[in-house]
Structure formats: C-alpha cells, structure tokens
Amino acid sequence: MNNPKKACVIPLPDKLESVPIVYAFPGATRNYLDGFIDKFKGIIVVSYGSGNVSEEMYYAIKNVIACEMKVVLVAHCNYGGVFSEHGSNQSLQDIGVIMAHDLTPFQVS
C-alpha cells in the first residue's frame, strides 16, 4: 500500500535578506568590500580556482568579518569546490569565512 508522507513545511521569515554575490580578482584592493558594510548582513565571495583569493582580497574579507558580516566562499570552477584543506582556504576559514564546499553562488544565496 502506498503510504504518502506529510510534506515538510519550513516557515520563512516575512522578508528574505538580500545577499550580494561579488567576485574575487587579482587586482582587488583591501577596501574592495567596504561598500557592503552596514548595507548587508553577509556576502558571497566567488573565488578564482578552488577557493583562492589574493592577499589584498584576504584583508578585504577580514575587514568585513570584523564588521560582523558573514562571508561565504564559493569556487569559480566547473568541478570541485571550496574546502578548508586547500592552502589559503584554511586561513580564510580561520578568520570566520564559511566554505560553501561544492555549492554554486546561487545555491548559497
């Protein structure tokens, strides 16, 4: 006999927060993300490769985290994802960056 299960209902807030998606790039400066401070509760950073960011981008991310923003790091590659065991990714996770593993920016937002 077919025994249908009850649907899982997840209550949503009245208003969903807007979360910008920004791209890391080698020429990004330390103040690249400053315009997002006080406007959003978090941002999604699309890294190049498997989660790599430049030193200046690292400090830009560190700055917004110090301002109590959440930062999620996603990979800009077709296969694979962002995991803390990759070199610079561990440094990012140590300052509070959330690794998106193999999710895309749109799945995270």
PDB file of N, CA and C in Angstrom:
ATOM      1  N   MET A   1       0.839  -1.175   0.000  1.00  0.00           N
ATOM      2  CA  MET A   1       0.000   0.000   0.000  1.00  0.00           C
ATOM      3  C   MET A   1       0.886   1.241   0.000  1.00  0.00           C
ATOM      4  N   ASN A   2       0.495   2.233  -0.768  1.00  0.00           N
ATOM      5  CA  ASN A   2       1.231   3.487  -0.855  1.00  0.00           C
ATOM      6  C   ASN A   2       0.935   4.328   0.387  1.00  0.00           C
ATOM      7  N   ASN A   3       1.979   4.709   1.088  1.00  0.00           N
ATOM      8  CA  ASN A   3       1.853   5.475   2.327  1.00  0.00           C
ATOM      9  C   ASN A   3       2.493   6.847   2.146  1.00  0.00           C
ATOM     10  N   PRO A   4       1.769   7.829   1.626  1.00  0.00           N
ATOM     11  CA  PRO A   4       2.390   9.141   1.409  1.00  0.00           C
ATOM     12  C   PRO A   4       2.782   9.796   2.734  1.00  0.00           C
ATOM     13  N   LYS A   5       3.932  10.461   2.701  1.00  0.00           N
ATOM     14  CA  LYS A   5       4.409  11.170   3.891  1.00  0.00           C
ATOM     15  C   LYS A   5       3.894  12.596   3.855  1.00  0.00           C
ATOM     16  N   LYS A   6       3.788  13.171   5.037  1.00  0.00           N
ATOM     17  CA  LYS A   6       3.380  14.571   5.124  1.00  0.00           C
ATOM     18  C   LYS A   6       4.473  15.454   4.541  1.00  0.00           C
ATOM     19  N   ALA A   7       4.055  16.525   3.919  1.00  0.00           N
ATOM     20  CA  ALA A   7       5.019  17.477   3.352  1.00  0.00           C
ATOM     21  C   ALA A   7       5.763  18.181   4.479  1.00  0.00           C
ATOM     22  N   CYS A   8       7.017  18.425   4.238  1.00  0.00           N
ATOM     23  CA  CYS A   8       7.835  19.172   5.189  1.00  0.00           C
ATOM     24  C   CYS A   8       7.614  20.658   4.934  1.00  0.00           C
ATOM     25  N   VAL A   9       7.130  21.352   5.915  1.00  0.00           N
ATOM     26  CA  VAL A   9       6.869  22.783   5.783  1.00  0.00           C
ATOM     27  C   VAL A   9       7.923  23.539   6.578  1.00  0.00           C
ATOM     28  N   ILE A  10       8.638  24.391   5.865  1.00  0.00           N
ATOM     29  CA  ILE A  10       9.670  25.197   6.517  1.00  0.00           C
ATOM     30  C   ILE A  10       9.179  26.638   6.533  1.00  0.00           C
ATOM     31  N   PRO A  11       8.944  27.187   7.711  1.00  0.00           N
ATOM     32  CA  PRO A  11       8.458  28.570   7.767  1.00  0.00           C
ATOM     33  C   PRO A  11       9.546  29.543   7.316  1.00  0.00           C
ATOM     34  N   LEU A  12       9.144  30.490   6.518  1.00  0.00           N
ATOM     35  CA  LEU A  12      10.076  31.512   6.052  1.00  0.00           C
ATOM     36  C   LEU A  12       9.780  32.833   6.747  1.00  0.00           C
ATOM     37  N   PRO A  13      10.802  33.645   6.912  1.00  0.00           N
ATOM     38  CA  PRO A  13      10.549  34.964   7.503  1.00  0.00           C
ATOM     39  C   PRO A  13       9.717  35.804   6.539  1.00  0.00           C
ATOM     40  N   ASP A  14       9.142  36.873   7.053  1.00  0.00           N
ATOM     41  CA  ASP A  14       8.339  37.761   6.215  1.00  0.00           C
ATOM     42  C   ASP A  14       9.158  38.382   5.086  1.00  0.00           C
ATOM     43  N   LYS A  15      10.411  38.643   5.362  1.00  0.00           N
ATOM     44  CA  LYS A  15      11.273  39.264   4.366  1.00  0.00           C
ATOM     45  C   LYS A  15      12.603  38.524   4.334  1.00  0.00           C
ATOM     46  N   LEU A  16      13.024  38.111   3.144  1.00  0.00           N
ATOM     47  CA  LEU A  16      14.322  37.471   2.996  1.00  0.00           C
ATOM     48  C   LEU A  16      15.386  38.546   2.786  1.00  0.00           C
ATOM     49  N   GLU A  17      16.526  38.336   3.391  1.00  0.00           N
ATOM     50  CA  GLU A  17      17.619  39.294   3.260  1.00  0.00           C
ATOM     51  C   GLU A  17      18.239  39.218   1.870  1.00  0.00           C
ATOM     52  N   SER A  18      18.664  40.338   1.368  1.00  0.00           N
ATOM     53  CA  SER A  18      19.390  40.400   0.110  1.00  0.00           C
ATOM     54  C   SER A  18      20.858  40.100   0.400  1.00  0.00           C
ATOM     55  N   VAL A  19      21.447  39.253  -0.431  1.00  0.00           N
ATOM     56  CA  VAL A  19      22.847  38.884  -0.245  1.00  0.00           C
ATOM     57  C   VAL A  19      23.583  39.100  -1.567  1.00  0.00           C
ATOM     58  N   PRO A  20      24.534  40.034  -1.594  1.00  0.00           N
ATOM     59  CA  PRO A  20      25.256  40.269  -2.847  1.00  0.00           C
ATOM     60  C   PRO A  20      26.264  39.162  -3.139  1.00  0.00           C
ATOM     61  N   ILE A  21      26.476  38.934  -4.422  1.00  0.00           N
ATOM     62  CA  ILE A  21      27.493  37.994  -4.888  1.00  0.00           C
ATOM     63  C   ILE A  21      28.594  38.834  -5.516  1.00  0.00           C
ATOM     64  N   VAL A  22      29.808  38.742  -4.981  1.00  0.00           N
ATOM     65  CA  VAL A  22      30.939  39.510  -5.500  1.00  0.00           C
ATOM     66  C   VAL A  22      32.031  38.549  -5.948  1.00  0.00           C
ATOM     67  N   TYR A  23      32.800  38.968  -6.922  1.00  0.00           N
ATOM     68  CA  TYR A  23      33.866  38.138  -7.474  1.00  0.00           C
ATOM     69  C   TYR A  23      35.225  38.616  -7.002  1.00  0.00           C
ATOM     70  N   ALA A  24      36.017  37.673  -6.524  1.00  0.00           N
ATOM     71  CA  ALA A  24      37.400  37.971  -6.180  1.00  0.00           C
ATOM     72  C   ALA A  24      38.194  38.053  -7.483  1.00  0.00           C
ATOM     73  N   PHE A  25      39.165  38.927  -7.522  1.00  0.00           N
ATOM     74  CA  PHE A  25      40.031  39.026  -8.693  1.00  0.00           C
ATOM     75  C   PHE A  25      41.389  39.532  -8.229  1.00  0.00           C
ATOM     76  N   PRO A  26      42.454  39.224  -8.970  1.00  0.00           N
ATOM     77  CA  PRO A  26      43.801  39.565  -8.514  1.00  0.00           C
ATOM     78  C   PRO A  26      44.030  41.040  -8.213  1.00  0.00           C
ATOM     79  N   GLY A  27      43.334  41.969  -8.879  1.00  0.00           N
ATOM     80  CA  GLY A  27      43.550  43.395  -8.638  1.00  0.00           C
ATOM     81  C   GLY A  27      42.693  43.999  -7.538  1.00  0.00           C
ATOM     82  N   ALA A  28      41.918  43.172  -6.832  1.00  0.00           N
ATOM     83  CA  ALA A  28      41.058  43.700  -5.761  1.00  0.00           C
ATOM     84  C   ALA A  28      41.906  44.342  -4.674  1.00  0.00           C
ATOM     85  N   THR A  29      41.418  45.446  -4.136  1.00  0.00           N
ATOM     86  CA  THR A  29      42.154  46.156  -3.086  1.00  0.00           C
ATOM     87  C   THR A  29      41.567  45.828  -1.715  1.00  0.00           C
ATOM     88  N   ARG A  30      42.242  46.257  -0.682  1.00  0.00           N
ATOM     89  CA  ARG A  30      41.796  45.990   0.686  1.00  0.00           C
ATOM     90  C   ARG A  30      40.443  46.610   0.989  1.00  0.00           C
ATOM     91  N   ASN A  31      40.069  47.664   0.297  1.00  0.00           N
ATOM     92  CA  ASN A  31      38.785  48.320   0.550  1.00  0.00           C
ATOM     93  C   ASN A  31      37.712  47.908  -0.467  1.00  0.00           C
ATOM     94  N   TYR A  32      37.963  46.875  -1.245  1.00  0.00           N
ATOM     95  CA  TYR A  32      37.047  46.406  -2.292  1.00  0.00           C
ATOM     96  C   TYR A  32      35.649  46.114  -1.755  1.00  0.00           C
ATOM     97  N   LEU A  33      35.538  45.582  -0.557  1.00  0.00           N
ATOM     98  CA  LEU A  33      34.249  45.174   0.004  1.00  0.00           C
ATOM     99  C   LEU A  33      33.654  46.192   0.972  1.00  0.00           C
ATOM    100  N   ASP A  34      34.330  47.299   1.199  1.00  0.00           N
ATOM    101  CA  ASP A  34      33.870  48.286   2.189  1.00  0.00           C
ATOM    102  C   ASP A  34      32.468  48.829   1.899  1.00  0.00           C
ATOM    103  N   GLY A  35      32.091  48.923   0.645  1.00  0.00           N
ATOM    104  CA  GLY A  35      30.779  49.455   0.288  1.00  0.00           C
ATOM    105  C   GLY A  35      29.617  48.574   0.727  1.00  0.00           C
ATOM    106  N   PHE A  36      29.912  47.335   1.113  1.00  0.00           N
ATOM    107  CA  PHE A  36      28.860  46.416   1.552  1.00  0.00           C
ATOM    108  C   PHE A  36      28.608  46.486   3.057  1.00  0.00           C
ATOM    109  N   ILE A  37      29.543  47.075   3.781  1.00  0.00           N
ATOM    110  CA  ILE A  37      29.428  47.167   5.237  1.00  0.00           C
ATOM    111  C   ILE A  37      28.232  48.057   5.580  1.00  0.00           C
ATOM    112  N   ASP A  38      27.461  47.662   6.545  1.00  0.00           N
ATOM    113  CA  ASP A  38      26.264  48.366   7.028  1.00  0.00           C
ATOM    114  C   ASP A  38      25.087  48.333   6.045  1.00  0.00           C
ATOM    115  N   LYS A  39      25.248  47.686   4.900  1.00  0.00           N
ATOM    116  CA  LYS A  39      24.143  47.570   3.953  1.00  0.00           C
ATOM    117  C   LYS A  39      23.597  46.140   3.894  1.00  0.00           C
ATOM    118  N   PHE A  40      24.448  45.184   4.231  1.00  0.00           N
ATOM    119  CA  PHE A  40      24.082  43.771   4.160  1.00  0.00           C
ATOM    120  C   PHE A  40      24.587  43.040   5.398  1.00  0.00           C
ATOM    121  N   LYS A  41      23.967  41.904   5.680  1.00  0.00           N
ATOM    122  CA  LYS A  41      24.403  41.081   6.815  1.00  0.00           C
ATOM    123  C   LYS A  41      25.463  40.075   6.398  1.00  0.00           C
ATOM    124  N   GLY A  42      25.589  39.850   5.097  1.00  0.00           N
ATOM    125  CA  GLY A  42      26.578  38.915   4.600  1.00  0.00           C
ATOM    126  C   GLY A  42      26.791  39.073   3.115  1.00  0.00           C
ATOM    127  N   ILE A  43      27.854  38.459   2.626  1.00  0.00           N
ATOM    128  CA  ILE A  43      28.154  38.472   1.202  1.00  0.00           C
ATOM    129  C   ILE A  43      28.639  37.094   0.779  1.00  0.00           C
ATOM    130  N   ILE A  44      28.503  36.829  -0.511  1.00  0.00           N
ATOM    131  CA  ILE A  44      29.039  35.610  -1.095  1.00  0.00           C
ATOM    132  C   ILE A  44      30.211  36.041  -1.969  1.00  0.00           C
ATOM    133  N   VAL A  45      31.376  35.459  -1.704  1.00  0.00           N
ATOM    134  CA  VAL A  45      32.567  35.778  -2.480  1.00  0.00           C
ATOM    135  C   VAL A  45      32.870  34.598  -3.399  1.00  0.00           C
ATOM    136  N   VAL A  46      32.907  34.875  -4.695  1.00  0.00           N
ATOM    137  CA  VAL A  46      33.254  33.855  -5.679  1.00  0.00           C
ATOM    138  C   VAL A  46      34.757  33.945  -5.896  1.00  0.00           C
ATOM    139  N   SER A  47      35.451  32.899  -5.496  1.00  0.00           N
ATOM    140  CA  SER A  47      36.905  32.873  -5.610  1.00  0.00           C
ATOM    141  C   SER A  47      37.320  32.430  -7.004  1.00  0.00           C
ATOM    142  N   TYR A  48      38.566  32.585  -7.309  1.00  0.00           N
ATOM    143  CA  TYR A  48      39.069  32.009  -8.552  1.00  0.00           C
ATOM    144  C   TYR A  48      39.736  30.685  -8.208  1.00  0.00           C
ATOM    145  N   GLY A  49      39.669  29.751  -9.142  1.00  0.00           N
ATOM    146  CA  GLY A  49      40.199  28.420  -8.879  1.00  0.00           C
ATOM    147  C   GLY A  49      39.361  27.710  -7.841  1.00  0.00           C
ATOM    148  N   SER A  50      40.015  27.037  -6.948  1.00  0.00           N
ATOM    149  CA  SER A  50      39.307  26.237  -5.937  1.00  0.00           C
ATOM    150  C   SER A  50      39.239  26.938  -4.592  1.00  0.00           C
ATOM    151  N   GLY A  51      39.066  28.237  -4.610  1.00  0.00           N
ATOM    152  CA  GLY A  51      38.909  28.968  -3.368  1.00  0.00           C
ATOM    153  C   GLY A  51      40.012  29.950  -3.085  1.00  0.00           C
ATOM    154  N   ASN A  52      40.839  30.213  -4.062  1.00  0.00           N
ATOM    155  CA  ASN A  52      41.958  31.120  -3.849  1.00  0.00           C
ATOM    156  C   ASN A  52      41.539  32.578  -3.979  1.00  0.00           C
ATOM    157  N   VAL A  53      42.128  33.408  -3.143  1.00  0.00           N
ATOM    158  CA  VAL A  53      41.960  34.856  -3.240  1.00  0.00           C
ATOM    159  C   VAL A  53      43.337  35.488  -3.054  1.00  0.00           C
ATOM    160  N   SER A  54      43.492  36.695  -3.546  1.00  0.00           N
ATOM    161  CA  SER A  54      44.759  37.403  -3.387  1.00  0.00           C
ATOM    162  C   SER A  54      44.934  37.843  -1.940  1.00  0.00           C
ATOM    163  N   GLU A  55      46.140  38.258  -1.611  1.00  0.00           N
ATOM    164  CA  GLU A  55      46.405  38.745  -0.251  1.00  0.00           C
ATOM    165  C   GLU A  55      45.555  39.967   0.071  1.00  0.00           C
ATOM    166  N   GLU A  56      45.419  40.880  -0.881  1.00  0.00           N
ATOM    167  CA  GLU A  56      44.601  42.079  -0.662  1.00  0.00           C
ATOM    168  C   GLU A  56      43.131  41.706  -0.461  1.00  0.00           C
ATOM    169  N   MET A  57      42.640  40.728  -1.217  1.00  0.00           N
ATOM    170  CA  MET A  57      41.252  40.275  -1.068  1.00  0.00           C
ATOM    171  C   MET A  57      41.058  39.612   0.291  1.00  0.00           C
ATOM    172  N   TYR A  58      42.062  38.883   0.747  1.00  0.00           N
ATOM    173  CA  TYR A  58      42.009  38.275   2.083  1.00  0.00           C
ATOM    174  C   TYR A  58      41.758  39.362   3.134  1.00  0.00           C
ATOM    175  N   TYR A  59      42.499  40.467   3.038  1.00  0.00           N
ATOM    176  CA  TYR A  59      42.323  41.545   4.016  1.00  0.00           C
ATOM    177  C   TYR A  59      40.988  42.269   3.846  1.00  0.00           C
ATOM    178  N   ALA A  60      40.483  42.348   2.629  1.00  0.00           N
ATOM    179  CA  ALA A  60      39.152  42.926   2.404  1.00  0.00           C
ATOM    180  C   ALA A  60      38.089  42.063   3.082  1.00  0.00           C
ATOM    181  N   ILE A  61      38.229  40.748   2.951  1.00  0.00           N
ATOM    182  CA  ILE A  61      37.295  39.813   3.592  1.00  0.00           C
ATOM    183  C   ILE A  61      37.415  39.901   5.108  1.00  0.00           C
ATOM    184  N   LYS A  62      38.647  39.950   5.579  1.00  0.00           N
ATOM    185  CA  LYS A  62      38.883  40.042   7.031  1.00  0.00           C
ATOM    186  C   LYS A  62      38.235  41.306   7.602  1.00  0.00           C
ATOM    187  N   ASN A  63      38.285  42.388   6.854  1.00  0.00           N
ATOM    188  CA  ASN A  63      37.704  43.657   7.292  1.00  0.00           C
ATOM    189  C   ASN A  63      36.182  43.560   7.440  1.00  0.00           C
ATOM    190  N   VAL A  64      35.490  42.970   6.460  1.00  0.00           N
ATOM    191  CA  VAL A  64      34.035  42.890   6.570  1.00  0.00           C
ATOM    192  C   VAL A  64      33.616  41.910   7.664  1.00  0.00           C
ATOM    193  N   ILE A  65      34.405  40.876   7.895  1.00  0.00           N
ATOM    194  CA  ILE A  65      34.102  39.955   9.001  1.00  0.00           C
ATOM    195  C   ILE A  65      34.267  40.675  10.337  1.00  0.00           C
ATOM    196  N   ALA A  66      35.265  41.537  10.432  1.00  0.00           N
ATOM    197  CA  ALA A  66      35.457  42.323  11.663  1.00  0.00           C
ATOM    198  C   ALA A  66      34.269  43.246  11.917  1.00  0.00           C
ATOM    199  N   CYS A  67      33.540  43.580  10.857  1.00  0.00           N
ATOM    200  CA  CYS A  67      32.334  44.417  10.980  1.00  0.00           C
ATOM    201  C   CYS A  67      31.086  43.559  11.156  1.00  0.00           C
ATOM    202  N   GLU A  68      31.280  42.318  11.567  1.00  0.00           N
ATOM    203  CA  GLU A  68      30.210  41.368  11.904  1.00  0.00           C
ATOM    204  C   GLU A  68      29.352  40.938  10.719  1.00  0.00           C
ATOM    205  N   MET A  69      29.952  40.913   9.526  1.00  0.00           N
ATOM    206  CA  MET A  69      29.252  40.380   8.354  1.00  0.00           C
ATOM    207  C   MET A  69      29.644  38.911   8.179  1.00  0.00           C
ATOM    208  N   LYS A  70      28.728  38.126   7.658  1.00  0.00           N
ATOM    209  CA  LYS A  70      29.014  36.736   7.309  1.00  0.00           C
ATOM    210  C   LYS A  70      29.576  36.718   5.891  1.00  0.00           C
ATOM    211  N   VAL A  71      30.555  35.876   5.650  1.00  0.00           N
ATOM    212  CA  VAL A  71      31.142  35.722   4.325  1.00  0.00           C
ATOM    213  C   VAL A  71      31.141  34.244   3.969  1.00  0.00           C
ATOM    214  N   VAL A  72      30.572  33.926   2.796  1.00  0.00           N
ATOM    215  CA  VAL A  72      30.576  32.563   2.289  1.00  0.00           C
ATOM    216  C   VAL A  72      31.448  32.548   1.050  1.00  0.00           C
ATOM    217  N   LEU A  73      32.361  31.590   0.991  1.00  0.00           N
ATOM    218  CA  LEU A  73      33.279  31.475  -0.140  1.00  0.00           C
ATOM    219  C   LEU A  73      32.850  30.328  -1.038  1.00  0.00           C
ATOM    220  N   VAL A  74      32.687  30.613  -2.318  1.00  0.00           N
ATOM    221  CA  VAL A  74      32.350  29.588  -3.306  1.00  0.00           C
ATOM    222  C   VAL A  74      33.434  29.586  -4.381  1.00  0.00           C
ATOM    223  N   ALA A  75      33.536  28.459  -5.086  1.00  0.00           N
ATOM    224  CA  ALA A  75      34.547  28.321  -6.134  1.00  0.00           C
ATOM    225  C   ALA A  75      33.992  28.755  -7.479  1.00  0.00           C
ATOM    226  N   HIS A  76      34.868  29.281  -8.298  1.00  0.00           N
ATOM    227  CA  HIS A  76      34.504  29.632  -9.672  1.00  0.00           C
ATOM    228  C   HIS A  76      35.159  28.605 -10.595  1.00  0.00           C
ATOM    229  N   CYS A  77      34.670  27.386 -10.487  1.00  0.00           N
ATOM    230  CA  CYS A  77      35.183  26.318 -11.343  1.00  0.00           C
ATOM    231  C   CYS A  77      34.042  25.340 -11.619  1.00  0.00           C
ATOM    232  N   ASN A  78      34.176  24.610 -12.717  1.00  0.00           N
ATOM    233  CA  ASN A  78      33.099  23.697 -13.109  1.00  0.00           C
ATOM    234  C   ASN A  78      33.002  22.459 -12.226  1.00  0.00           C
ATOM    235  N   TYR A  79      34.123  21.989 -11.741  1.00  0.00           N
ATOM    236  CA  TYR A  79      34.127  20.776 -10.919  1.00  0.00           C
ATOM    237  C   TYR A  79      34.938  21.018  -9.671  1.00  0.00           C
ATOM    238  N   GLY A  80      34.502  20.437  -8.589  1.00  0.00           N
ATOM    239  CA  GLY A  80      35.192  20.628  -7.328  1.00  0.00           C
ATOM    240  C   GLY A  80      34.536  21.735  -6.536  1.00  0.00           C
ATOM    241  N   GLY A  81      35.168  22.125  -5.477  1.00  0.00           N
ATOM    242  CA  GLY A  81      34.566  23.150  -4.644  1.00  0.00           C
ATOM    243  C   GLY A  81      35.577  23.786  -3.722  1.00  0.00           C
ATOM    244  N   VAL A  82      35.089  24.419  -2.697  1.00  0.00           N
ATOM    245  CA  VAL A  82      35.913  25.127  -1.726  1.00  0.00           C
ATOM    246  C   VAL A  82      35.918  24.323  -0.441  1.00  0.00           C
ATOM    247  N   PHE A  83      37.080  23.870  -0.047  1.00  0.00           N
ATOM    248  CA  PHE A  83      37.232  23.095   1.173  1.00  0.00           C
ATOM    249  C   PHE A  83      38.411  23.655   1.951  1.00  0.00           C
ATOM    250  N   SER A  84      38.355  23.592   3.260  1.00  0.00           N
ATOM    251  CA  SER A  84      39.371  24.238   4.094  1.00  0.00           C
ATOM    252  C   SER A  84      40.747  23.605   3.979  1.00  0.00           C
ATOM    253  N   GLU A  85      40.850  22.371   3.500  1.00  0.00           N
ATOM    254  CA  GLU A  85      42.167  21.748   3.448  1.00  0.00           C
ATOM    255  C   GLU A  85      43.050  22.280   2.319  1.00  0.00           C
ATOM    256  N   HIS A  86      42.517  23.116   1.453  1.00  0.00           N
ATOM    257  CA  HIS A  86      43.338  23.741   0.415  1.00  0.00           C
ATOM    258  C   HIS A  86      44.027  24.958   1.018  1.00  0.00           C
ATOM    259  N   GLY A  87      45.328  25.065   0.877  1.00  0.00           N
ATOM    260  CA  GLY A  87      46.189  26.122   1.398  1.00  0.00           C
ATOM    261  C   GLY A  87      45.553  27.365   1.961  1.00  0.00           C
ATOM    262  N   SER A  88      45.269  28.351   1.104  1.00  0.00           N
ATOM    263  CA  SER A  88      44.777  29.641   1.592  1.00  0.00           C
ATOM    264  C   SER A  88      43.369  29.540   2.163  1.00  0.00           C
ATOM    265  N   ASN A  89      42.643  28.505   1.795  1.00  0.00           N
ATOM    266  CA  ASN A  89      41.282  28.362   2.310  1.00  0.00           C
ATOM    267  C   ASN A  89      41.269  28.163   3.824  1.00  0.00           C
ATOM    268  N   GLN A  90      42.275  27.500   4.355  1.00  0.00           N
ATOM    269  CA  GLN A  90      42.335  27.304   5.805  1.00  0.00           C
ATOM    270  C   GLN A  90      42.495  28.646   6.509  1.00  0.00           C
ATOM    271  N   SER A  91      43.299  29.533   5.947  1.00  0.00           N
ATOM    272  CA  SER A  91      43.467  30.873   6.532  1.00  0.00           C
ATOM    273  C   SER A  91      42.158  31.635   6.527  1.00  0.00           C
ATOM    274  N   LEU A  92      41.388  31.485   5.456  1.00  0.00           N
ATOM    275  CA  LEU A  92      40.091  32.152   5.377  1.00  0.00           C
ATOM    276  C   LEU A  92      39.113  31.571   6.384  1.00  0.00           C
ATOM    277  N   GLN A  93      39.116  30.260   6.513  1.00  0.00           N
ATOM    278  CA  GLN A  93      38.220  29.636   7.483  1.00  0.00           C
ATOM    279  C   GLN A  93      38.610  30.042   8.904  1.00  0.00           C
ATOM    280  N   ASP A  94      39.891  30.197   9.149  1.00  0.00           N
ATOM    281  CA  ASP A  94      40.360  30.602  10.482  1.00  0.00           C
ATOM    282  C   ASP A  94      39.843  31.985  10.891  1.00  0.00           C
ATOM    283  N   ILE A  95      39.558  32.871   9.920  1.00  0.00           N
ATOM    284  CA  ILE A  95      39.039  34.203  10.271  1.00  0.00           C
ATOM    285  C   ILE A  95      37.517  34.249  10.233  1.00  0.00           C
ATOM    286  N   GLY A  96      36.881  33.110   9.930  1.00  0.00           N
ATOM    287  CA  GLY A  96      35.426  33.051  10.009  1.00  0.00           C
ATOM    288  C   GLY A  96      34.685  32.878   8.699  1.00  0.00           C
ATOM    289  N   VAL A  97      35.402  32.702   7.597  1.00  0.00           N
ATOM    290  CA  VAL A  97      34.746  32.506   6.303  1.00  0.00           C
ATOM    291  C   VAL A  97      34.079  31.125   6.290  1.00  0.00           C
ATOM    292  N   ILE A  98      32.874  31.075   5.764  1.00  0.00           N
ATOM    293  CA  ILE A  98      32.122  29.822   5.647  1.00  0.00           C
ATOM    294  C   ILE A  98      32.417  29.224   4.278  1.00  0.00           C
ATOM    295  N   MET A  99      32.883  27.985   4.244  1.00  0.00           N
ATOM    296  CA  MET A  99      33.196  27.305   2.988  1.00  0.00           C
ATOM    297  C   MET A  99      31.921  26.700   2.403  1.00  0.00           C
ATOM    298  N   ALA A 100      31.640  26.990   1.146  1.00  0.00           N
ATOM    299  CA  ALA A 100      30.413  26.511   0.505  1.00  0.00           C
ATOM    300  C   ALA A 100      30.570  25.111  -0.085  1.00  0.00           C
ATOM    301  N   HIS A 101      31.739  24.541   0.065  1.00  0.00           N
ATOM    302  CA  HIS A 101      32.037  23.212  -0.493  1.00  0.00           C
ATOM    303  C   HIS A 101      31.753  23.215  -1.985  1.00  0.00           C
ATOM    304  N   ASP A 102      30.833  22.411  -2.476  1.00  0.00           N
ATOM    305  CA  ASP A 102      30.616  22.338  -3.927  1.00  0.00           C
ATOM    306  C   ASP A 102      29.333  23.052  -4.375  1.00  0.00           C
ATOM    307  N   LEU A 103      28.827  23.966  -3.571  1.00  0.00           N
ATOM    308  CA  LEU A 103      27.633  24.719  -3.961  1.00  0.00           C
ATOM    309  C   LEU A 103      28.012  25.900  -4.848  1.00  0.00           C
ATOM    310  N   THR A 104      27.093  26.289  -5.715  1.00  0.00           N
ATOM    311  CA  THR A 104      27.299  27.453  -6.575  1.00  0.00           C
ATOM    312  C   THR A 104      26.890  28.720  -5.809  1.00  0.00           C
ATOM    313  N   PRO A 105      27.256  29.894  -6.309  1.00  0.00           N
ATOM    314  CA  PRO A 105      26.829  31.125  -5.631  1.00  0.00           C
ATOM    315  C   PRO A 105      25.307  31.230  -5.502  1.00  0.00           C
ATOM    316  N   PHE A 106      24.598  30.744  -6.506  1.00  0.00           N
ATOM    317  CA  PHE A 106      23.137  30.857  -6.496  1.00  0.00           C
ATOM    318  C   PHE A 106      22.487  29.845  -5.558  1.00  0.00           C
ATOM    319  N   GLN A 107      23.135  28.722  -5.342  1.00  0.00           N
ATOM    320  CA  GLN A 107      22.623  27.759  -4.367  1.00  0.00           C
ATOM    321  C   GLN A 107      22.837  28.262  -2.951  1.00  0.00           C
ATOM    322  N   VAL A 108      23.918  28.983  -2.736  1.00  0.00           N
ATOM    323  CA  VAL A 108      24.228  29.516  -1.413  1.00  0.00           C
ATOM    324  C   VAL A 108      23.305  30.678  -1.067  1.00  0.00           C
ATOM    325  N   SER A 109      23.003  31.531  -2.057  1.00  0.00           N
ATOM    326  CA  SER A 109      22.199  32.708  -1.774  1.00  0.00           C
ATOM    327  C   SER A 109      20.762  32.264  -1.592  1.00  0.00           C
TER     328      SER A 109
END
